[in-house]
Amino acid sequence: AVEAENQVELEEKTRLINQVLELQHTLEDLSARVDAVKEENLKLKSENQVLGQYIENLMSASSVFQTTDTKSKRK
């Protein structure tokens, strides 16, 4: 009876250890994914800044937007 109880306890410990290891691997995978998403986000922010600056430059160089600005200033 004691031997069977020890066997059940050992199986339960093994199951829990395997579950903990699986959860650790899942956490590592999620952490890596978060890092990759953060990196991609920074890259996209940088690209957005470049595009925003480009659009601003185009607008300031365009006579269409400059005449719109002068009309609004006259009012």
PDB file of N, CA and C in Angstrom:
ATOM      1  N   ALA A   1       0.840  -1.199   0.000  1.00  0.00           N
ATOM      2  CA  ALA A   1       0.000   0.000   0.000  1.00  0.00           C
ATOM      3  C   ALA A   1       0.878   1.254   0.000  1.00  0.00           C
ATOM      4  N   VAL A   2       1.938   1.223   0.800  1.00  0.00           N
ATOM      5  CA  VAL A   2       2.848   2.373   0.864  1.00  0.00           C
ATOM      6  C   VAL A   2       3.583   2.530  -0.468  1.00  0.00           C
ATOM      7  N   GLU A   3       3.953   1.398  -1.064  1.00  0.00           N
ATOM      8  CA  GLU A   3       4.650   1.420  -2.364  1.00  0.00           C
ATOM      9  C   GLU A   3       3.758   2.030  -3.449  1.00  0.00           C
ATOM     10  N   ALA A   4       2.500   1.650  -3.474  1.00  0.00           N
ATOM     11  CA  ALA A   4       1.559   2.175  -4.459  1.00  0.00           C
ATOM     12  C   ALA A   4       1.340   3.680  -4.245  1.00  0.00           C
ATOM     13  N   GLU A   5       1.281   4.086  -2.988  1.00  0.00           N
ATOM     14  CA  GLU A   5       1.103   5.504  -2.664  1.00  0.00           C
ATOM     15  C   GLU A   5       2.314   6.315  -3.121  1.00  0.00           C
ATOM     16  N   ASN A   6       3.502   5.770  -2.901  1.00  0.00           N
ATOM     17  CA  ASN A   6       4.731   6.430  -3.347  1.00  0.00           C
ATOM     18  C   ASN A   6       4.756   6.545  -4.876  1.00  0.00           C
ATOM     19  N   GLN A   7       4.293   5.520  -5.561  1.00  0.00           N
ATOM     20  CA  GLN A   7       4.260   5.518  -7.021  1.00  0.00           C
ATOM     21  C   GLN A   7       3.307   6.609  -7.546  1.00  0.00           C
ATOM     22  N   VAL A   8       2.144   6.721  -6.915  1.00  0.00           N
ATOM     23  CA  VAL A   8       1.167   7.748  -7.313  1.00  0.00           C
ATOM     24  C   VAL A   8       1.752   9.139  -7.073  1.00  0.00           C
ATOM     25  N   GLU A   9       2.410   9.312  -5.922  1.00  0.00           N
ATOM     26  CA  GLU A   9       3.011  10.603  -5.593  1.00  0.00           C
ATOM     27  C   GLU A   9       4.120  10.957  -6.586  1.00  0.00           C
ATOM     28  N   LEU A  10       4.916   9.977  -6.950  1.00  0.00           N
ATOM     29  CA  LEU A  10       5.988  10.187  -7.915  1.00  0.00           C
ATOM     30  C   LEU A  10       5.423  10.567  -9.291  1.00  0.00           C
ATOM     31  N   GLU A  11       4.358   9.901  -9.701  1.00  0.00           N
ATOM     32  CA  GLU A  11       3.724  10.226 -10.975  1.00  0.00           C
ATOM     33  C   GLU A  11       3.150  11.645 -10.968  1.00  0.00           C
ATOM     34  N   GLU A  12       2.549  12.024  -9.855  1.00  0.00           N
ATOM     35  CA  GLU A  12       1.991  13.365  -9.720  1.00  0.00           C
ATOM     36  C   GLU A  12       3.103  14.420  -9.780  1.00  0.00           C
ATOM     37  N   LYS A  13       4.218  14.166  -9.095  1.00  0.00           N
ATOM     38  CA  LYS A  13       5.359  15.096  -9.136  1.00  0.00           C
ATOM     39  C   LYS A  13       5.898  15.208 -10.556  1.00  0.00           C
ATOM     40  N   THR A  14       6.017  14.098 -11.240  1.00  0.00           N
ATOM     41  CA  THR A  14       6.515  14.097 -12.615  1.00  0.00           C
ATOM     42  C   THR A  14       5.580  14.887 -13.522  1.00  0.00           C
ATOM     43  N   ARG A  15       4.282  14.679 -13.341  1.00  0.00           N
ATOM     44  CA  ARG A  15       3.303  15.407 -14.138  1.00  0.00           C
ATOM     45  C   ARG A  15       3.404  16.913 -13.887  1.00  0.00           C
ATOM     46  N   LEU A  16       3.538  17.306 -12.625  1.00  0.00           N
ATOM     47  CA  LEU A  16       3.645  18.721 -12.283  1.00  0.00           C
ATOM     48  C   LEU A  16       4.933  19.336 -12.836  1.00  0.00           C
ATOM     49  N   ILE A  17       6.025  18.603 -12.752  1.00  0.00           N
ATOM     50  CA  ILE A  17       7.304  19.089 -13.287  1.00  0.00           C
ATOM     51  C   ILE A  17       7.189  19.304 -14.792  1.00  0.00           C
ATOM     52  N   ASN A  18       6.583  18.349 -15.479  1.00  0.00           N
ATOM     53  CA  ASN A  18       6.402  18.485 -16.926  1.00  0.00           C
ATOM     54  C   ASN A  18       5.511  19.681 -17.264  1.00  0.00           C
ATOM     55  N   GLN A  19       4.491  19.883 -16.459  1.00  0.00           N
ATOM     56  CA  GLN A  19       3.593  21.019 -16.678  1.00  0.00           C
ATOM     57  C   GLN A  19       4.331  22.342 -16.472  1.00  0.00           C
ATOM     58  N   VAL A  20       5.156  22.410 -15.423  1.00  0.00           N
ATOM     59  CA  VAL A  20       5.939  23.618 -15.151  1.00  0.00           C
ATOM     60  C   VAL A  20       6.905  23.886 -16.302  1.00  0.00           C
ATOM     61  N   LEU A  21       7.571  22.852 -16.794  1.00  0.00           N
ATOM     62  CA  LEU A  21       8.509  23.018 -17.900  1.00  0.00           C
ATOM     63  C   LEU A  21       7.791  23.506 -19.162  1.00  0.00           C
ATOM     64  N   GLU A  22       6.626  22.956 -19.416  1.00  0.00           N
ATOM     65  CA  GLU A  22       5.834  23.368 -20.579  1.00  0.00           C
ATOM     66  C   GLU A  22       5.427  24.834 -20.458  1.00  0.00           C
ATOM     67  N   LEU A  23       5.013  25.238 -19.257  1.00  0.00           N
ATOM     68  CA  LEU A  23       4.635  26.631 -19.033  1.00  0.00           C
ATOM     69  C   LEU A  23       5.836  27.566 -19.173  1.00  0.00           C
ATOM     70  N   GLN A  24       7.012  27.114 -18.734  1.00  0.00           N
ATOM     71  CA  GLN A  24       8.221  27.920 -18.885  1.00  0.00           C
ATOM     72  C   GLN A  24       8.544  28.137 -20.368  1.00  0.00           C
ATOM     73  N   HIS A  25       8.410  27.076 -21.160  1.00  0.00           N
ATOM     74  CA  HIS A  25       8.669  27.194 -22.599  1.00  0.00           C
ATOM     75  C   HIS A  25       7.650  28.137 -23.250  1.00  0.00           C
ATOM     76  N   THR A  26       6.399  28.030 -22.825  1.00  0.00           N
ATOM     77  CA  THR A  26       5.365  28.915 -23.357  1.00  0.00           C
ATOM     78  C   THR A  26       5.688  30.370 -23.015  1.00  0.00           C
ATOM     79  N   LEU A  27       6.120  30.608 -21.780  1.00  0.00           N
ATOM     80  CA  LEU A  27       6.483  31.960 -21.356  1.00  0.00           C
ATOM     81  C   LEU A  27       7.666  32.480 -22.165  1.00  0.00           C
ATOM     82  N   GLU A  28       8.666  31.639 -22.400  1.00  0.00           N
ATOM     83  CA  GLU A  28       9.820  32.046 -23.214  1.00  0.00           C
ATOM     84  C   GLU A  28       9.380  32.415 -24.619  1.00  0.00           C
ATOM     85  N   ASP A  29       8.490  31.607 -25.197  1.00  0.00           N
ATOM     86  CA  ASP A  29       7.984  31.881 -26.546  1.00  0.00           C
ATOM     87  C   ASP A  29       7.221  33.206 -26.582  1.00  0.00           C
ATOM     88  N   LEU A  30       6.375  33.433 -25.576  1.00  0.00           N
ATOM     89  CA  LEU A  30       5.604  34.676 -25.519  1.00  0.00           C
ATOM     90  C   LEU A  30       6.512  35.889 -25.328  1.00  0.00           C
ATOM     91  N   SER A  31       7.528  35.751 -24.498  1.00  0.00           N
ATOM     92  CA  SER A  31       8.471  36.852 -24.280  1.00  0.00           C
ATOM     93  C   SER A  31       9.212  37.194 -25.566  1.00  0.00           C
ATOM     94  N   ALA A  32       9.619  36.162 -26.297  1.00  0.00           N
ATOM     95  CA  ALA A  32      10.301  36.388 -27.572  1.00  0.00           C
ATOM     96  C   ALA A  32       9.363  37.086 -28.554  1.00  0.00           C
ATOM     97  N   ARG A  33       8.107  36.690 -28.559  1.00  0.00           N
ATOM     98  CA  ARG A  33       7.126  37.302 -29.463  1.00  0.00           C
ATOM     99  C   ARG A  33       6.898  38.768 -29.095  1.00  0.00           C
ATOM    100  N   VAL A  34       6.803  39.055 -27.799  1.00  0.00           N
ATOM    101  CA  VAL A  34       6.625  40.439 -27.335  1.00  0.00           C
ATOM    102  C   VAL A  34       7.814  41.287 -27.775  1.00  0.00           C
ATOM    103  N   ASP A  35       9.025  40.758 -27.624  1.00  0.00           N
ATOM    104  CA  ASP A  35      10.221  41.487 -28.039  1.00  0.00           C
ATOM    105  C   ASP A  35      10.191  41.764 -29.542  1.00  0.00           C
ATOM    106  N   ALA A  36       9.782  40.776 -30.329  1.00  0.00           N
ATOM    107  CA  ALA A  36       9.713  40.945 -31.783  1.00  0.00           C
ATOM    108  C   ALA A  36       8.673  42.010 -32.152  1.00  0.00           C
ATOM    109  N   VAL A  37       7.537  42.000 -31.464  1.00  0.00           N
ATOM    110  CA  VAL A  37       6.486  42.984 -31.746  1.00  0.00           C
ATOM    111  C   VAL A  37       6.953  44.386 -31.349  1.00  0.00           C
ATOM    112  N   LYS A  38       7.646  44.508 -30.220  1.00  0.00           N
ATOM    113  CA  LYS A  38       8.178  45.810 -29.799  1.00  0.00           C
ATOM    114  C   LYS A  38       9.151  46.349 -30.840  1.00  0.00           C
ATOM    115  N   GLU A  39      10.015  45.481 -31.333  1.00  0.00           N
ATOM    116  CA  GLU A  39      10.994  45.884 -32.337  1.00  0.00           C
ATOM    117  C   GLU A  39      10.293  46.343 -33.629  1.00  0.00           C
ATOM    118  N   GLU A  40       9.306  45.585 -34.054  1.00  0.00           N
ATOM    119  CA  GLU A  40       8.542  45.943 -35.252  1.00  0.00           C
ATOM    120  C   GLU A  40       7.816  47.274 -35.043  1.00  0.00           C
ATOM    121  N   ASN A  41       7.266  47.475 -33.859  1.00  0.00           N
ATOM    122  CA  ASN A  41       6.569  48.710 -33.530  1.00  0.00           C
ATOM    123  C   ASN A  41       7.506  49.912 -33.623  1.00  0.00           C
ATOM    124  N   LEU A  42       8.709  49.779 -33.098  1.00  0.00           N
ATOM    125  CA  LEU A  42       9.685  50.866 -33.169  1.00  0.00           C
ATOM    126  C   LEU A  42      10.048  51.177 -34.618  1.00  0.00           C
ATOM    127  N   LYS A  43      10.189  50.129 -35.418  1.00  0.00           N
ATOM    128  CA  LYS A  43      10.517  50.309 -36.825  1.00  0.00           C
ATOM    129  C   LYS A  43       9.393  51.061 -37.542  1.00  0.00           C
ATOM    130  N   LEU A  44       8.158  50.664 -37.264  1.00  0.00           N
ATOM    131  CA  LEU A  44       7.011  51.316 -37.904  1.00  0.00           C
ATOM    132  C   LEU A  44       6.868  52.769 -37.449  1.00  0.00           C
ATOM    133  N   LYS A  45       7.125  53.042 -36.172  1.00  0.00           N
ATOM    134  CA  LYS A  45       7.073  54.421 -35.682  1.00  0.00           C
ATOM    135  C   LYS A  45       8.083  55.286 -36.423  1.00  0.00           C
ATOM    136  N   SER A  46       9.274  54.745 -36.591  1.00  0.00           N
ATOM    137  CA  SER A  46      10.323  55.471 -37.298  1.00  0.00           C
ATOM    138  C   SER A  46       9.921  55.741 -38.742  1.00  0.00           C
ATOM    139  N   GLU A  47       9.369  54.720 -39.396  1.00  0.00           N
ATOM    140  CA  GLU A  47       8.895  54.901 -40.777  1.00  0.00           C
ATOM    141  C   GLU A  47       7.790  55.948 -40.848  1.00  0.00           C
ATOM    142  N   ASN A  48       6.886  55.941 -39.881  1.00  0.00           N
ATOM    143  CA  ASN A  48       5.798  56.929 -39.849  1.00  0.00           C
ATOM    144  C   ASN A  48       6.346  58.350 -39.705  1.00  0.00           C
ATOM    145  N   GLN A  49       7.374  58.508 -38.883  1.00  0.00           N
ATOM    146  CA  GLN A  49       7.982  59.825 -38.721  1.00  0.00           C
ATOM    147  C   GLN A  49       8.588  60.305 -40.041  1.00  0.00           C
ATOM    148  N   VAL A  50       9.286  59.403 -40.733  1.00  0.00           N
ATOM    149  CA  VAL A  50       9.891  59.757 -42.017  1.00  0.00           C
ATOM    150  C   VAL A  50       8.801  60.141 -43.017  1.00  0.00           C
ATOM    151  N   LEU A  51       7.746  59.343 -43.079  1.00  0.00           N
ATOM    152  CA  LEU A  51       6.649  59.644 -43.999  1.00  0.00           C
ATOM    153  C   LEU A  51       5.954  60.952 -43.639  1.00  0.00           C
ATOM    154  N   GLY A  52       5.755  61.190 -42.368  1.00  0.00           N
ATOM    155  CA  GLY A  52       5.133  62.442 -41.921  1.00  0.00           C
ATOM    156  C   GLY A  52       5.968  63.638 -42.326  1.00  0.00           C
ATOM    157  N   GLN A  53       7.277  63.536 -42.151  1.00  0.00           N
ATOM    158  CA  GLN A  53       8.179  64.624 -42.538  1.00  0.00           C
ATOM    159  C   GLN A  53       8.135  64.827 -44.053  1.00  0.00           C
ATOM    160  N   TYR A  54       8.103  63.726 -44.792  1.00  0.00           N
ATOM    161  CA  TYR A  54       8.035  63.784 -46.251  1.00  0.00           C
ATOM    162  C   TYR A  54       6.752  64.496 -46.705  1.00  0.00           C
ATOM    163  N   ILE A  55       5.632  64.131 -46.075  1.00  0.00           N
ATOM    164  CA  ILE A  55       4.347  64.763 -46.418  1.00  0.00           C
ATOM    165  C   ILE A  55       4.376  66.255 -46.082  1.00  0.00           C
ATOM    166  N   GLU A  56       4.923  66.593 -44.933  1.00  0.00           N
ATOM    167  CA  GLU A  56       5.036  68.009 -44.557  1.00  0.00           C
ATOM    168  C   GLU A  56       5.863  68.776 -45.577  1.00  0.00           C
ATOM    169  N   ASN A  57       6.972  68.189 -46.010  1.00  0.00           N
ATOM    170  CA  ASN A  57       7.831  68.837 -47.003  1.00  0.00           C
ATOM    171  C   ASN A  57       7.092  69.022 -48.322  1.00  0.00           C
ATOM    172  N   LEU A  58       6.353  67.990 -48.727  1.00  0.00           N
ATOM    173  CA  LEU A  58       5.583  68.102 -49.970  1.00  0.00           C
ATOM    174  C   LEU A  58       4.533  69.203 -49.860  1.00  0.00           C
ATOM    175  N   MET A  59       3.847  69.251 -48.730  1.00  0.00           N
ATOM    176  CA  MET A  59       2.796  70.254 -48.540  1.00  0.00           C
ATOM    177  C   MET A  59       3.392  71.659 -48.533  1.00  0.00           C
ATOM    178  N   SER A  60       4.527  71.838 -47.895  1.00  0.00           N
ATOM    179  CA  SER A  60       5.124  73.183 -47.836  1.00  0.00           C
ATOM    180  C   SER A  60       5.671  73.595 -49.200  1.00  0.00           C
ATOM    181  N   ALA A  61       6.054  72.622 -50.024  1.00  0.00           N
ATOM    182  CA  ALA A  61       6.574  72.936 -51.354  1.00  0.00           C
ATOM    183  C   ALA A  61       5.463  73.121 -52.376  1.00  0.00           C
ATOM    184  N   SER A  62       4.262  72.702 -52.069  1.00  0.00           N
ATOM    185  CA  SER A  62       3.158  72.754 -53.028  1.00  0.00           C
ATOM    186  C   SER A  62       2.465  74.109 -52.986  1.00  0.00           C
ATOM    187  N   SER A  63       2.237  74.684 -54.167  1.00  0.00           N
ATOM    188  CA  SER A  63       1.552  75.978 -54.231  1.00  0.00           C
ATOM    189  C   SER A  63       0.080  75.838 -53.830  1.00  0.00           C
ATOM    190  N   VAL A  64      -0.502  74.677 -54.020  1.00  0.00           N
ATOM    191  CA  VAL A  64      -1.905  74.463 -53.654  1.00  0.00           C
ATOM    192  C   VAL A  64      -2.098  74.685 -52.159  1.00  0.00           C
ATOM    193  N   PHE A  65      -1.214  74.107 -51.354  1.00  0.00           N
ATOM    194  CA  PHE A  65      -1.364  74.250 -49.899  1.00  0.00           C
ATOM    195  C   PHE A  65      -0.956  75.643 -49.436  1.00  0.00           C
ATOM    196  N   GLN A  66      -0.020  76.249 -50.137  1.00  0.00           N
ATOM    197  CA  GLN A  66       0.401  77.602 -49.745  1.00  0.00           C
ATOM    198  C   GLN A  66      -0.719  78.610 -49.999  1.00  0.00           C
ATOM    199  N   THR A  67      -1.435  78.460 -51.128  1.00  0.00           N
ATOM    200  CA  THR A  67      -2.541  79.388 -51.373  1.00  0.00           C
ATOM    201  C   THR A  67      -3.660  79.167 -50.366  1.00  0.00           C
ATOM    202  N   THR A  68      -3.858  77.933 -49.948  1.00  0.00           N
ATOM    203  CA  THR A  68      -4.873  77.660 -48.927  1.00  0.00           C
ATOM    204  C   THR A  68      -4.502  78.363 -47.629  1.00  0.00           C
ATOM    205  N   ASP A  69      -3.221  78.332 -47.293  1.00  0.00           N
ATOM    206  CA  ASP A  69      -2.759  78.983 -46.076  1.00  0.00           C
ATOM    207  C   ASP A  69      -2.976  80.498 -46.143  1.00  0.00           C
ATOM    208  N   THR A  70      -2.655  81.120 -47.280  1.00  0.00           N
ATOM    209  CA  THR A  70      -2.812  82.576 -47.390  1.00  0.00           C
ATOM    210  C   THR A  70      -4.276  82.974 -47.358  1.00  0.00           C
ATOM    211  N   LYS A  71      -5.143  82.166 -47.959  1.00  0.00           N
ATOM    212  CA  LYS A  71      -6.574  82.477 -47.897  1.00  0.00           C
ATOM    213  C   LYS A  71      -7.084  82.473 -46.466  1.00  0.00           C
ATOM    214  N   SER A  72      -6.634  81.478 -45.695  1.00  0.00           N
ATOM    215  CA  SER A  72      -7.111  81.395 -44.319  1.00  0.00           C
ATOM    216  C   SER A  72      -6.548  82.537 -43.485  1.00  0.00           C
ATOM    217  N   LYS A  73      -5.352  83.038 -43.848  1.00  0.00           N
ATOM    218  CA  LYS A  73      -4.769  84.157 -43.103  1.00  0.00           C
ATOM    219  C   LYS A  73      -5.488  85.472 -43.412  1.00  0.00           C
ATOM    220  N   ARG A  74      -6.027  85.616 -44.613  1.00  0.00           N
ATOM    221  CA  ARG A  74      -6.720  86.845 -45.002  1.00  0.00           C
ATOM    222  C   ARG A  74      -8.019  87.049 -44.216  1.00  0.00           C
ATOM    223  N   LYS A  75      -8.646  85.972 -43.822  1.00  0.00           N
ATOM    224  CA  LYS A  75      -9.951  86.059 -43.167  1.00  0.00           C
ATOM    225  C   LYS A  75      -9.898  86.736 -41.823  1.00  0.00           C
TER     226      LYS A  75
END
